[in-house]
Amino acid sequence: GGESWHRVAVMGKRHAARFLGGEAVVAVGERPGASVSRDGGRTWR
């Protein structure tokens, strides 16, 4: 709930993000246009 935050590297500039459900989240921006994480933001592709 935001008590602690953990930093990871993500390719590109992300302008917006939304959860798809569970641990799945999508972020959009540029270079690349869209990235998805299936583990709550720990890793992105």
ModelCIF file with pLDDT and N, C-alpha, C, O atoms, coordinates in Angstrom:
data_MODEL
#
_entry.id   MODEL 
#
_entity.id                         1 
_entity.type                       polymer 
_entity.pdbx_number_of_molecules   1 
#
_entity_poly.entity_id                      1 
_entity_poly.type                           'polypeptide(L)' 
_entity_poly.nstd_linkage                   no 
_entity_poly.nstd_monomer                   no 
_entity_poly.pdbx_seq_one_letter_code       GGESWHRVAVMGKRHAARFLGGEAVVAVGERPGASVSRDGGRTWR 
_entity_poly.pdbx_seq_one_letter_code_can   GGESWHRVAVMGKRHAARFLGGEAVVAVGERPGASVSRDGGRTWR 
_entity_poly.pdbx_strand_id                 A 
#
loop_
_entity_poly_seq.entity_id 
_entity_poly_seq.num 
_entity_poly_seq.mon_id 
_entity_poly_seq.hetero 
1 1  GLY n 
1 2  GLY n 
1 3  GLU n 
1 4  SER n 
1 5  TRP n 
1 6  HIS n 
1 7  ARG n 
1 8  VAL n 
1 9  ALA n 
1 10 VAL n 
1 11 MET n 
1 12 GLY n 
1 13 LYS n 
1 14 ARG n 
1 15 HIS n 
1 16 ALA n 
1 17 ALA n 
1 18 ARG n 
1 19 PHE n 
1 20 LEU n 
1 21 GLY n 
1 22 GLY n 
1 23 GLU n 
1 24 ALA n 
1 25 VAL n 
1 26 VAL n 
1 27 ALA n 
1 28 VAL n 
1 29 GLY n 
1 30 GLU n 
1 31 ARG n 
1 32 PRO n 
1 33 GLY n 
1 34 ALA n 
1 35 SER n 
1 36 VAL n 
1 37 SER n 
1 38 ARG n 
1 39 ASP n 
1 40 GLY n 
1 41 GLY n 
1 42 ARG n 
1 43 THR n 
1 44 TRP n 
1 45 ARG n 
#
_struct_asym.id          A 
_struct_asym.entity_id   1 
#
loop_
_ma_qa_metric.id 
_ma_qa_metric.mode 
_ma_qa_metric.name 
_ma_qa_metric.software_group_id 
_ma_qa_metric.type 
1 global pLDDT . pLDDT 
2 local  pLDDT . pLDDT 
#
_ma_qa_metric_global.metric_id      1 
_ma_qa_metric_global.metric_value   93.91 
_ma_qa_metric_global.model_id       1 
_ma_qa_metric_global.ordinal_id     1 
#
loop_
_ma_qa_metric_local.label_asym_id 
_ma_qa_metric_local.label_comp_id 
_ma_qa_metric_local.label_seq_id 
_ma_qa_metric_local.metric_id 
_ma_qa_metric_local.metric_value 
_ma_qa_metric_local.model_id 
_ma_qa_metric_local.ordinal_id 
A GLY 1  2 95.00 1 1  
A GLY 2  2 96.00 1 2  
A GLU 3  2 95.00 1 3  
A SER 4  2 97.00 1 4  
A TRP 5  2 98.00 1 5  
A HIS 6  2 98.00 1 6  
A ARG 7  2 98.00 1 7  
A VAL 8  2 97.00 1 8  
A ALA 9  2 92.00 1 9  
A VAL 10 2 92.00 1 10 
A MET 11 2 91.00 1 11 
A GLY 12 2 92.00 1 12 
A LYS 13 2 93.00 1 13 
A ARG 14 2 94.00 1 14 
A HIS 15 2 95.00 1 15 
A ALA 16 2 96.00 1 16 
A ALA 17 2 97.00 1 17 
A ARG 18 2 96.00 1 18 
A PHE 19 2 95.00 1 19 
A LEU 20 2 90.00 1 20 
A GLY 21 2 86.00 1 21 
A GLY 22 2 90.00 1 22 
A GLU 23 2 94.00 1 23 
A ALA 24 2 93.00 1 24 
A VAL 25 2 95.00 1 25 
A VAL 26 2 95.00 1 26 
A ALA 27 2 95.00 1 27 
A VAL 28 2 94.00 1 28 
A GLY 29 2 92.00 1 29 
A GLU 30 2 90.00 1 30 
A ARG 31 2 86.00 1 31 
A PRO 32 2 88.00 1 32 
A GLY 33 2 87.00 1 33 
A ALA 34 2 90.00 1 34 
A SER 35 2 93.00 1 35 
A VAL 36 2 94.00 1 36 
A SER 37 2 96.00 1 37 
A ARG 38 2 94.00 1 38 
A ASP 39 2 97.00 1 39 
A GLY 40 2 97.00 1 40 
A GLY 41 2 97.00 1 41 
A ARG 42 2 97.00 1 42 
A THR 43 2 97.00 1 43 
A TRP 44 2 97.00 1 44 
A ARG 45 2 95.00 1 45 
#
loop_
_atom_site.group_PDB 
_atom_site.id 
_atom_site.type_symbol 
_atom_site.label_atom_id 
_atom_site.label_alt_id 
_atom_site.label_comp_id 
_atom_site.label_asym_id 
_atom_site.label_entity_id 
_atom_site.label_seq_id 
_atom_site.pdbx_PDB_ins_code 
_atom_site.Cartn_x 
_atom_site.Cartn_y 
_atom_site.Cartn_z 
_atom_site.occupancy 
_atom_site.B_iso_or_equiv 
_atom_site.pdbx_formal_charge 
_atom_site.auth_seq_id 
_atom_site.auth_comp_id 
_atom_site.auth_asym_id 
_atom_site.auth_atom_id 
_atom_site.pdbx_PDB_model_num 
ATOM 1   N N  . GLY A 1 1  ? 0.780  -1.227  0.000   1.00 95.00 ? 1  GLY A N  1 
ATOM 2   C CA . GLY A 1 1  ? 0.000  0.000   0.000   1.00 95.00 ? 1  GLY A CA 1 
ATOM 3   C C  . GLY A 1 1  ? 0.809  1.273   0.000   1.00 95.00 ? 1  GLY A C  1 
ATOM 4   O O  . GLY A 1 1  ? 0.299  2.337   0.349   1.00 95.00 ? 1  GLY A O  1 
ATOM 5   N N  . GLY A 1 2  ? 2.081  1.174   -0.392  1.00 96.00 ? 2  GLY A N  1 
ATOM 6   C CA . GLY A 1 2  ? 2.928  2.361   -0.454  1.00 96.00 ? 2  GLY A CA 1 
ATOM 7   C C  . GLY A 1 2  ? 3.756  2.617   0.783   1.00 96.00 ? 2  GLY A C  1 
ATOM 8   O O  . GLY A 1 2  ? 4.397  3.662   0.893   1.00 96.00 ? 2  GLY A O  1 
ATOM 9   N N  . GLU A 1 3  ? 3.754  1.676   1.723   1.00 95.00 ? 3  GLU A N  1 
ATOM 10  C CA . GLU A 1 3  ? 4.618  1.833   2.901   1.00 95.00 ? 3  GLU A CA 1 
ATOM 11  C C  . GLU A 1 3  ? 6.088  1.776   2.495   1.00 95.00 ? 3  GLU A C  1 
ATOM 12  O O  . GLU A 1 3  ? 6.919  2.498   3.046   1.00 95.00 ? 3  GLU A O  1 
ATOM 13  N N  . SER A 1 4  ? 6.402  0.915   1.528   1.00 97.00 ? 4  SER A N  1 
ATOM 14  C CA . SER A 1 4  ? 7.776  0.812   1.019   1.00 97.00 ? 4  SER A CA 1 
ATOM 15  C C  . SER A 1 4  ? 7.737  0.711   -0.491  1.00 97.00 ? 4  SER A C  1 
ATOM 16  O O  . SER A 1 4  ? 6.813  0.130   -1.059  1.00 97.00 ? 4  SER A O  1 
ATOM 17  N N  . TRP A 1 5  ? 8.753  1.284   -1.149  1.00 98.00 ? 5  TRP A N  1 
ATOM 18  C CA . TRP A 1 5  ? 8.845  1.290   -2.603  1.00 98.00 ? 5  TRP A CA 1 
ATOM 19  C C  . TRP A 1 5  ? 10.192 0.724   -3.036  1.00 98.00 ? 5  TRP A C  1 
ATOM 20  O O  . TRP A 1 5  ? 11.211 0.951   -2.384  1.00 98.00 ? 5  TRP A O  1 
ATOM 21  N N  . HIS A 1 6  ? 10.186 -0.022  -4.153  1.00 98.00 ? 6  HIS A N  1 
ATOM 22  C CA . HIS A 1 6  ? 11.393 -0.676  -4.653  1.00 98.00 ? 6  HIS A CA 1 
ATOM 23  C C  . HIS A 1 6  ? 11.613 -0.265  -6.106  1.00 98.00 ? 6  HIS A C  1 
ATOM 24  O O  . HIS A 1 6  ? 10.681 -0.295  -6.910  1.00 98.00 ? 6  HIS A O  1 
ATOM 25  N N  . ARG A 1 7  ? 12.817 0.109   -6.435  1.00 98.00 ? 7  ARG A N  1 
ATOM 26  C CA . ARG A 1 7  ? 13.124 0.657   -7.758  1.00 98.00 ? 7  ARG A CA 1 
ATOM 27  C C  . ARG A 1 7  ? 13.635 -0.425  -8.703  1.00 98.00 ? 7  ARG A C  1 
ATOM 28  O O  . ARG A 1 7  ? 14.413 -1.295  -8.313  1.00 98.00 ? 7  ARG A O  1 
ATOM 29  N N  . VAL A 1 8  ? 13.174 -0.353  -9.974  1.00 97.00 ? 8  VAL A N  1 
ATOM 30  C CA . VAL A 1 8  ? 13.667 -1.243  -11.024 1.00 97.00 ? 8  VAL A CA 1 
ATOM 31  C C  . VAL A 1 8  ? 13.839 -0.419  -12.300 1.00 97.00 ? 8  VAL A C  1 
ATOM 32  O O  . VAL A 1 8  ? 13.243 0.648   -12.451 1.00 97.00 ? 8  VAL A O  1 
ATOM 33  N N  . ALA A 1 9  ? 14.655 -0.927  -13.206 1.00 92.00 ? 9  ALA A N  1 
ATOM 34  C CA . ALA A 1 9  ? 14.869 -0.264  -14.494 1.00 92.00 ? 9  ALA A CA 1 
ATOM 35  C C  . ALA A 1 9  ? 13.809 -0.715  -15.493 1.00 92.00 ? 9  ALA A C  1 
ATOM 36  O O  . ALA A 1 9  ? 13.440 -1.889  -15.528 1.00 92.00 ? 9  ALA A O  1 
ATOM 37  N N  . VAL A 1 10 ? 13.322 0.223   -16.305 1.00 92.00 ? 10 VAL A N  1 
ATOM 38  C CA . VAL A 1 10 ? 12.327 -0.056  -17.337 1.00 92.00 ? 10 VAL A CA 1 
ATOM 39  C C  . VAL A 1 10 ? 12.753 0.654   -18.613 1.00 92.00 ? 10 VAL A C  1 
ATOM 40  O O  . VAL A 1 10 ? 13.174 1.810   -18.576 1.00 92.00 ? 10 VAL A O  1 
ATOM 41  N N  . MET A 1 11 ? 12.644 -0.039  -19.742 1.00 91.00 ? 11 MET A N  1 
ATOM 42  C CA . MET A 1 11 ? 13.014 0.565   -21.013 1.00 91.00 ? 11 MET A CA 1 
ATOM 43  C C  . MET A 1 11 ? 12.014 1.636   -21.421 1.00 91.00 ? 11 MET A C  1 
ATOM 44  O O  . MET A 1 11 ? 10.808 1.390   -21.388 1.00 91.00 ? 11 MET A O  1 
ATOM 45  N N  . GLY A 1 12 ? 12.486 2.820   -21.805 1.00 92.00 ? 12 GLY A N  1 
ATOM 46  C CA . GLY A 1 12 ? 11.649 3.858   -22.377 1.00 92.00 ? 12 GLY A CA 1 
ATOM 47  C C  . GLY A 1 12 ? 11.021 4.779   -21.354 1.00 92.00 ? 12 GLY A C  1 
ATOM 48  O O  . GLY A 1 12 ? 11.175 4.601   -20.145 1.00 92.00 ? 12 GLY A O  1 
ATOM 49  N N  . LYS A 1 13 ? 10.307 5.771   -21.869 1.00 93.00 ? 13 LYS A N  1 
ATOM 50  C CA . LYS A 1 13 ? 9.610  6.748   -21.043 1.00 93.00 ? 13 LYS A CA 1 
ATOM 51  C C  . LYS A 1 13 ? 8.154  6.310   -20.909 1.00 93.00 ? 13 LYS A C  1 
ATOM 52  O O  . LYS A 1 13 ? 7.471  6.102   -21.912 1.00 93.00 ? 13 LYS A O  1 
ATOM 53  N N  . ARG A 1 14 ? 7.672  6.168   -19.656 1.00 94.00 ? 14 ARG A N  1 
ATOM 54  C CA . ARG A 1 14 ? 6.307  5.718   -19.390 1.00 94.00 ? 14 ARG A CA 1 
ATOM 55  C C  . ARG A 1 14 ? 5.467  6.917   -18.943 1.00 94.00 ? 14 ARG A C  1 
ATOM 56  O O  . ARG A 1 14 ? 5.825  7.617   -17.996 1.00 94.00 ? 14 ARG A O  1 
ATOM 57  N N  . HIS A 1 15 ? 4.336  7.150   -19.642 1.00 95.00 ? 15 HIS A N  1 
ATOM 58  C CA . HIS A 1 15 ? 3.477  8.291   -19.325 1.00 95.00 ? 15 HIS A CA 1 
ATOM 59  C C  . HIS A 1 15 ? 2.241  7.926   -18.515 1.00 95.00 ? 15 HIS A C  1 
ATOM 60  O O  . HIS A 1 15 ? 1.679  8.793   -17.845 1.00 95.00 ? 15 HIS A O  1 
ATOM 61  N N  . ALA A 1 16 ? 1.803  6.680   -18.553 1.00 96.00 ? 16 ALA A N  1 
ATOM 62  C CA . ALA A 1 16 ? 0.591  6.269   -17.838 1.00 96.00 ? 16 ALA A CA 1 
ATOM 63  C C  . ALA A 1 16 ? 0.657  4.780   -17.548 1.00 96.00 ? 16 ALA A C  1 
ATOM 64  O O  . ALA A 1 16 ? 1.327  4.027   -18.256 1.00 96.00 ? 16 ALA A O  1 
ATOM 65  N N  . ALA A 1 17 ? -0.048 4.358   -16.495 1.00 97.00 ? 17 ALA A N  1 
ATOM 66  C CA . ALA A 1 17 ? -0.055 2.945   -16.109 1.00 97.00 ? 17 ALA A CA 1 
ATOM 67  C C  . ALA A 1 17 ? -1.413 2.590   -15.517 1.00 97.00 ? 17 ALA A C  1 
ATOM 68  O O  . ALA A 1 17 ? -2.052 3.421   -14.872 1.00 97.00 ? 17 ALA A O  1 
ATOM 69  N N  . ARG A 1 18 ? -1.854 1.350   -15.738 1.00 96.00 ? 18 ARG A N  1 
ATOM 70  C CA . ARG A 1 18 ? -3.088 0.838   -15.162 1.00 96.00 ? 18 ARG A CA 1 
ATOM 71  C C  . ARG A 1 18 ? -2.927 -0.649  -14.854 1.00 96.00 ? 18 ARG A C  1 
ATOM 72  O O  . ARG A 1 18 ? -2.283 -1.383  -15.604 1.00 96.00 ? 18 ARG A O  1 
ATOM 73  N N  . PHE A 1 19 ? -3.521 -1.083  -13.742 1.00 95.00 ? 19 PHE A N  1 
ATOM 74  C CA . PHE A 1 19 ? -3.521 -2.504  -13.411 1.00 95.00 ? 19 PHE A CA 1 
ATOM 75  C C  . PHE A 1 19 ? -4.572 -3.222  -14.240 1.00 95.00 ? 19 PHE A C  1 
ATOM 76  O O  . PHE A 1 19 ? -5.675 -2.717  -14.450 1.00 95.00 ? 19 PHE A O  1 
ATOM 77  N N  . LEU A 1 20 ? -4.204 -4.422  -14.710 1.00 90.00 ? 20 LEU A N  1 
ATOM 78  C CA . LEU A 1 20 ? -5.122 -5.262  -15.461 1.00 90.00 ? 20 LEU A CA 1 
ATOM 79  C C  . LEU A 1 20 ? -5.894 -6.199  -14.546 1.00 90.00 ? 20 LEU A C  1 
ATOM 80  O O  . LEU A 1 20 ? -6.933 -6.739  -14.929 1.00 90.00 ? 20 LEU A O  1 
ATOM 81  N N  . GLY A 1 21 ? -5.383 -6.388  -13.343 1.00 86.00 ? 21 GLY A N  1 
ATOM 82  C CA . GLY A 1 21 ? -5.973 -7.332  -12.391 1.00 86.00 ? 21 GLY A CA 1 
ATOM 83  C C  . GLY A 1 21 ? -4.876 -8.180  -11.787 1.00 86.00 ? 21 GLY A C  1 
ATOM 84  O O  . GLY A 1 21 ? -3.925 -8.550  -12.475 1.00 86.00 ? 21 GLY A O  1 
ATOM 85  N N  . GLY A 1 22 ? -5.001 -8.495  -10.489 1.00 90.00 ? 22 GLY A N  1 
ATOM 86  C CA . GLY A 1 22 ? -3.955 -9.261  -9.830  1.00 90.00 ? 22 GLY A CA 1 
ATOM 87  C C  . GLY A 1 22 ? -2.632 -8.518  -9.862  1.00 90.00 ? 22 GLY A C  1 
ATOM 88  O O  . GLY A 1 22 ? -2.555 -7.347  -9.490  1.00 90.00 ? 22 GLY A O  1 
ATOM 89  N N  . GLU A 1 23 ? -1.591 -9.208  -10.310 1.00 94.00 ? 23 GLU A N  1 
ATOM 90  C CA . GLU A 1 23 ? -0.268 -8.593  -10.389 1.00 94.00 ? 23 GLU A CA 1 
ATOM 91  C C  . GLU A 1 23 ? 0.063  -8.049  -11.780 1.00 94.00 ? 23 GLU A C  1 
ATOM 92  O O  . GLU A 1 23 ? 1.175  -7.572  -12.006 1.00 94.00 ? 23 GLU A O  1 
ATOM 93  N N  . ALA A 1 24 ? -0.876 -8.114  -12.698 1.00 93.00 ? 24 ALA A N  1 
ATOM 94  C CA . ALA A 1 24 ? -0.624 -7.666  -14.071 1.00 93.00 ? 24 ALA A CA 1 
ATOM 95  C C  . ALA A 1 24 ? -0.888 -6.167  -14.196 1.00 93.00 ? 24 ALA A C  1 
ATOM 96  O O  . ALA A 1 24 ? -1.921 -5.669  -13.749 1.00 93.00 ? 24 ALA A O  1 
ATOM 97  N N  . VAL A 1 25 ? 0.051  -5.462  -14.806 1.00 95.00 ? 25 VAL A N  1 
ATOM 98  C CA . VAL A 1 25 ? -0.066 -4.017  -14.986 1.00 95.00 ? 25 VAL A CA 1 
ATOM 99  C C  . VAL A 1 25 ? 0.548  -3.647  -16.329 1.00 95.00 ? 25 VAL A C  1 
ATOM 100 O O  . VAL A 1 25 ? 1.541  -4.242  -16.748 1.00 95.00 ? 25 VAL A O  1 
ATOM 101 N N  . VAL A 1 26 ? -0.046 -2.659  -17.006 1.00 95.00 ? 26 VAL A N  1 
ATOM 102 C CA . VAL A 1 26 ? 0.444  -2.202  -18.296 1.00 95.00 ? 26 VAL A CA 1 
ATOM 103 C C  . VAL A 1 26 ? 0.816  -0.732  -18.170 1.00 95.00 ? 26 VAL A C  1 
ATOM 104 O O  . VAL A 1 26 ? 0.139  0.025   -17.474 1.00 95.00 ? 26 VAL A O  1 
ATOM 105 N N  . ALA A 1 27 ? 1.897  -0.324  -18.846 1.00 95.00 ? 27 ALA A N  1 
ATOM 106 C CA . ALA A 1 27 ? 2.321  1.068   -18.882 1.00 95.00 ? 27 ALA A CA 1 
ATOM 107 C C  . ALA A 1 27 ? 2.587  1.456   -20.324 1.00 95.00 ? 27 ALA A C  1 
ATOM 108 O O  . ALA A 1 27 ? 3.131  0.666   -21.096 1.00 95.00 ? 27 ALA A O  1 
ATOM 109 N N  . VAL A 1 28 ? 2.200  2.678   -20.689 1.00 94.00 ? 28 VAL A N  1 
ATOM 110 C CA . VAL A 1 28 ? 2.384  3.148   -22.066 1.00 94.00 ? 28 VAL A CA 1 
ATOM 111 C C  . VAL A 1 28 ? 3.220  4.416   -22.071 1.00 94.00 ? 28 VAL A C  1 
ATOM 112 O O  . VAL A 1 28 ? 3.284  5.152   -21.086 1.00 94.00 ? 28 VAL A O  1 
ATOM 113 N N  . GLY A 1 29 ? 3.865  4.649   -23.225 1.00 92.00 ? 29 GLY A N  1 
ATOM 114 C CA . GLY A 1 29 ? 4.711  5.820   -23.362 1.00 92.00 ? 29 GLY A CA 1 
ATOM 115 C C  . GLY A 1 29 ? 5.370  5.851   -24.723 1.00 92.00 ? 29 GLY A C  1 
ATOM 116 O O  . GLY A 1 29 ? 4.696  5.862   -25.753 1.00 92.00 ? 29 GLY A O  1 
ATOM 117 N N  . GLU A 1 30 ? 6.692  5.866   -24.720 1.00 90.00 ? 30 GLU A N  1 
ATOM 118 C CA . GLU A 1 30 ? 7.434  5.925   -25.974 1.00 90.00 ? 30 GLU A CA 1 
ATOM 119 C C  . GLU A 1 30 ? 8.736  5.148   -25.849 1.00 90.00 ? 30 GLU A C  1 
ATOM 120 O O  . GLU A 1 30 ? 9.390  5.130   -24.806 1.00 90.00 ? 30 GLU A O  1 
ATOM 121 N N  . ARG A 1 31 ? 9.080  4.510   -26.957 1.00 86.00 ? 31 ARG A N  1 
ATOM 122 C CA . ARG A 1 31 ? 10.326 3.734   -27.091 1.00 86.00 ? 31 ARG A CA 1 
ATOM 123 C C  . ARG A 1 31 ? 10.515 2.722   -25.958 1.00 86.00 ? 31 ARG A C  1 
ATOM 124 O O  . ARG A 1 31 ? 11.450 2.865   -25.170 1.00 86.00 ? 31 ARG A O  1 
ATOM 125 N N  . PRO A 1 32 ? 9.647  1.696   -25.854 1.00 88.00 ? 32 PRO A N  1 
ATOM 126 C CA . PRO A 1 32 ? 8.555  1.274   -26.732 1.00 88.00 ? 32 PRO A CA 1 
ATOM 127 C C  . PRO A 1 32 ? 7.223  1.904   -26.327 1.00 88.00 ? 32 PRO A C  1 
ATOM 128 O O  . PRO A 1 32 ? 7.119  2.576   -25.301 1.00 88.00 ? 32 PRO A O  1 
ATOM 129 N N  . GLY A 1 33 ? 6.194  1.664   -27.173 1.00 87.00 ? 33 GLY A N  1 
ATOM 130 C CA . GLY A 1 33 ? 4.889  2.238   -26.895 1.00 87.00 ? 33 GLY A CA 1 
ATOM 131 C C  . GLY A 1 33 ? 4.217  1.631   -25.683 1.00 87.00 ? 33 GLY A C  1 
ATOM 132 O O  . GLY A 1 33 ? 3.534  2.346   -24.949 1.00 87.00 ? 33 GLY A O  1 
ATOM 133 N N  . ALA A 1 34 ? 4.383  0.334   -25.441 1.00 90.00 ? 34 ALA A N  1 
ATOM 134 C CA . ALA A 1 34 ? 3.695  -0.327  -24.328 1.00 90.00 ? 34 ALA A CA 1 
ATOM 135 C C  . ALA A 1 34 ? 4.600  -1.364  -23.690 1.00 90.00 ? 34 ALA A C  1 
ATOM 136 O O  . ALA A 1 34 ? 5.384  -2.032  -24.365 1.00 90.00 ? 34 ALA A O  1 
ATOM 137 N N  . SER A 1 35 ? 4.475  -1.486  -22.359 1.00 93.00 ? 35 SER A N  1 
ATOM 138 C CA . SER A 1 35 ? 5.206  -2.491  -21.591 1.00 93.00 ? 35 SER A CA 1 
ATOM 139 C C  . SER A 1 35 ? 4.246  -3.131  -20.601 1.00 93.00 ? 35 SER A C  1 
ATOM 140 O O  . SER A 1 35 ? 3.312  -2.487  -20.124 1.00 93.00 ? 35 SER A O  1 
ATOM 141 N N  . VAL A 1 36 ? 4.480  -4.405  -20.296 1.00 94.00 ? 36 VAL A N  1 
ATOM 142 C CA . VAL A 1 36 ? 3.614  -5.141  -19.379 1.00 94.00 ? 36 VAL A CA 1 
ATOM 143 C C  . VAL A 1 36 ? 4.451  -5.806  -18.306 1.00 94.00 ? 36 VAL A C  1 
ATOM 144 O O  . VAL A 1 36 ? 5.528  -6.336  -18.576 1.00 94.00 ? 36 VAL A O  1 
ATOM 145 N N  . SER A 1 37 ? 3.941  -5.770  -17.087 1.00 96.00 ? 37 SER A N  1 
ATOM 146 C CA . SER A 1 37 ? 4.530  -6.523  -15.986 1.00 96.00 ? 37 SER A CA 1 
ATOM 147 C C  . SER A 1 37 ? 3.501  -7.520  -15.497 1.00 96.00 ? 37 SER A C  1 
ATOM 148 O O  . SER A 1 37 ? 2.333  -7.171  -15.327 1.00 96.00 ? 37 SER A O  1 
ATOM 149 N N  . ARG A 1 38 ? 3.914  -8.754  -15.269 1.00 94.00 ? 38 ARG A N  1 
ATOM 150 C CA . ARG A 1 38 ? 3.018  -9.792  -14.763 1.00 94.00 ? 38 ARG A CA 1 
ATOM 151 C C  . ARG A 1 38 ? 3.300  -10.120 -13.302 1.00 94.00 ? 38 ARG A C  1 
ATOM 152 O O  . ARG A 1 38 ? 2.708  -11.049 -12.753 1.00 94.00 ? 38 ARG A O  1 
ATOM 153 N N  . ASP A 1 39 ? 4.201  -9.366  -12.665 1.00 97.00 ? 39 ASP A N  1 
ATOM 154 C CA . ASP A 1 39 ? 4.571  -9.653  -11.283 1.00 97.00 ? 39 ASP A CA 1 
ATOM 155 C C  . ASP A 1 39 ? 4.527  -8.401  -10.411 1.00 97.00 ? 39 ASP A C  1 
ATOM 156 O O  . ASP A 1 39 ? 5.367  -8.217  -9.530  1.00 97.00 ? 39 ASP A O  1 
ATOM 157 N N  . GLY A 1 40 ? 3.549  -7.550  -10.664 1.00 97.00 ? 40 GLY A N  1 
ATOM 158 C CA . GLY A 1 40 ? 3.348  -6.381  -9.817  1.00 97.00 ? 40 GLY A CA 1 
ATOM 159 C C  . GLY A 1 40 ? 4.352  -5.273  -10.002 1.00 97.00 ? 40 GLY A C  1 
ATOM 160 O O  . GLY A 1 40 ? 4.509  -4.433  -9.115  1.00 97.00 ? 40 GLY A O  1 
ATOM 161 N N  . GLY A 1 41 ? 5.044  -5.245  -11.143 1.00 97.00 ? 41 GLY A N  1 
ATOM 162 C CA . GLY A 1 41 ? 5.990  -4.178  -11.419 1.00 97.00 ? 41 GLY A CA 1 
ATOM 163 C C  . GLY A 1 41 ? 7.438  -4.515  -11.164 1.00 97.00 ? 41 GLY A C  1 
ATOM 164 O O  . GLY A 1 41 ? 8.315  -3.668  -11.335 1.00 97.00 ? 41 GLY A O  1 
ATOM 165 N N  . ARG A 1 42 ? 7.703  -5.753  -10.754 1.00 97.00 ? 42 ARG A N  1 
ATOM 166 C CA . ARG A 1 42 ? 9.093  -6.132  -10.473 1.00 97.00 ? 42 ARG A CA 1 
ATOM 167 C C  . ARG A 1 42 ? 9.906  -6.278  -11.750 1.00 97.00 ? 42 ARG A C  1 
ATOM 168 O O  . ARG A 1 42 ? 11.065 -5.865  -11.803 1.00 97.00 ? 42 ARG A O  1 
ATOM 169 N N  . THR A 1 43 ? 9.303  -6.863  -12.777 1.00 97.00 ? 43 THR A N  1 
ATOM 170 C CA . THR A 1 43 ? 9.964  -7.002  -14.071 1.00 97.00 ? 43 THR A CA 1 
ATOM 171 C C  . THR A 1 43 ? 9.002  -6.552  -15.164 1.00 97.00 ? 43 THR A C  1 
ATOM 172 O O  . THR A 1 43 ? 7.786  -6.678  -15.022 1.00 97.00 ? 43 THR A O  1 
ATOM 173 N N  . TRP A 1 44 ? 9.556  -6.028  -16.254 1.00 97.00 ? 44 TRP A N  1 
ATOM 174 C CA . TRP A 1 44 ? 8.758  -5.498  -17.353 1.00 97.00 ? 44 TRP A CA 1 
ATOM 175 C C  . TRP A 1 44 ? 9.293  -6.017  -18.679 1.00 97.00 ? 44 TRP A C  1 
ATOM 176 O O  . TRP A 1 44 ? 10.487 -6.277  -18.825 1.00 97.00 ? 44 TRP A O  1 
ATOM 177 N N  . ARG A 1 45 ? 8.384  -6.164  -19.644 1.00 95.00 ? 45 ARG A N  1 
ATOM 178 C CA . ARG A 1 45 ? 8.808  -6.515  -20.992 1.00 95.00 ? 45 ARG A CA 1 
ATOM 179 C C  . ARG A 1 45 ? 7.992  -5.696  -21.993 1.00 95.00 ? 45 ARG A C  1 
ATOM 180 O O  . ARG A 1 45 ? 8.183  -5.831  -23.202 1.00 95.00 ? 45 ARG A O  1 
#
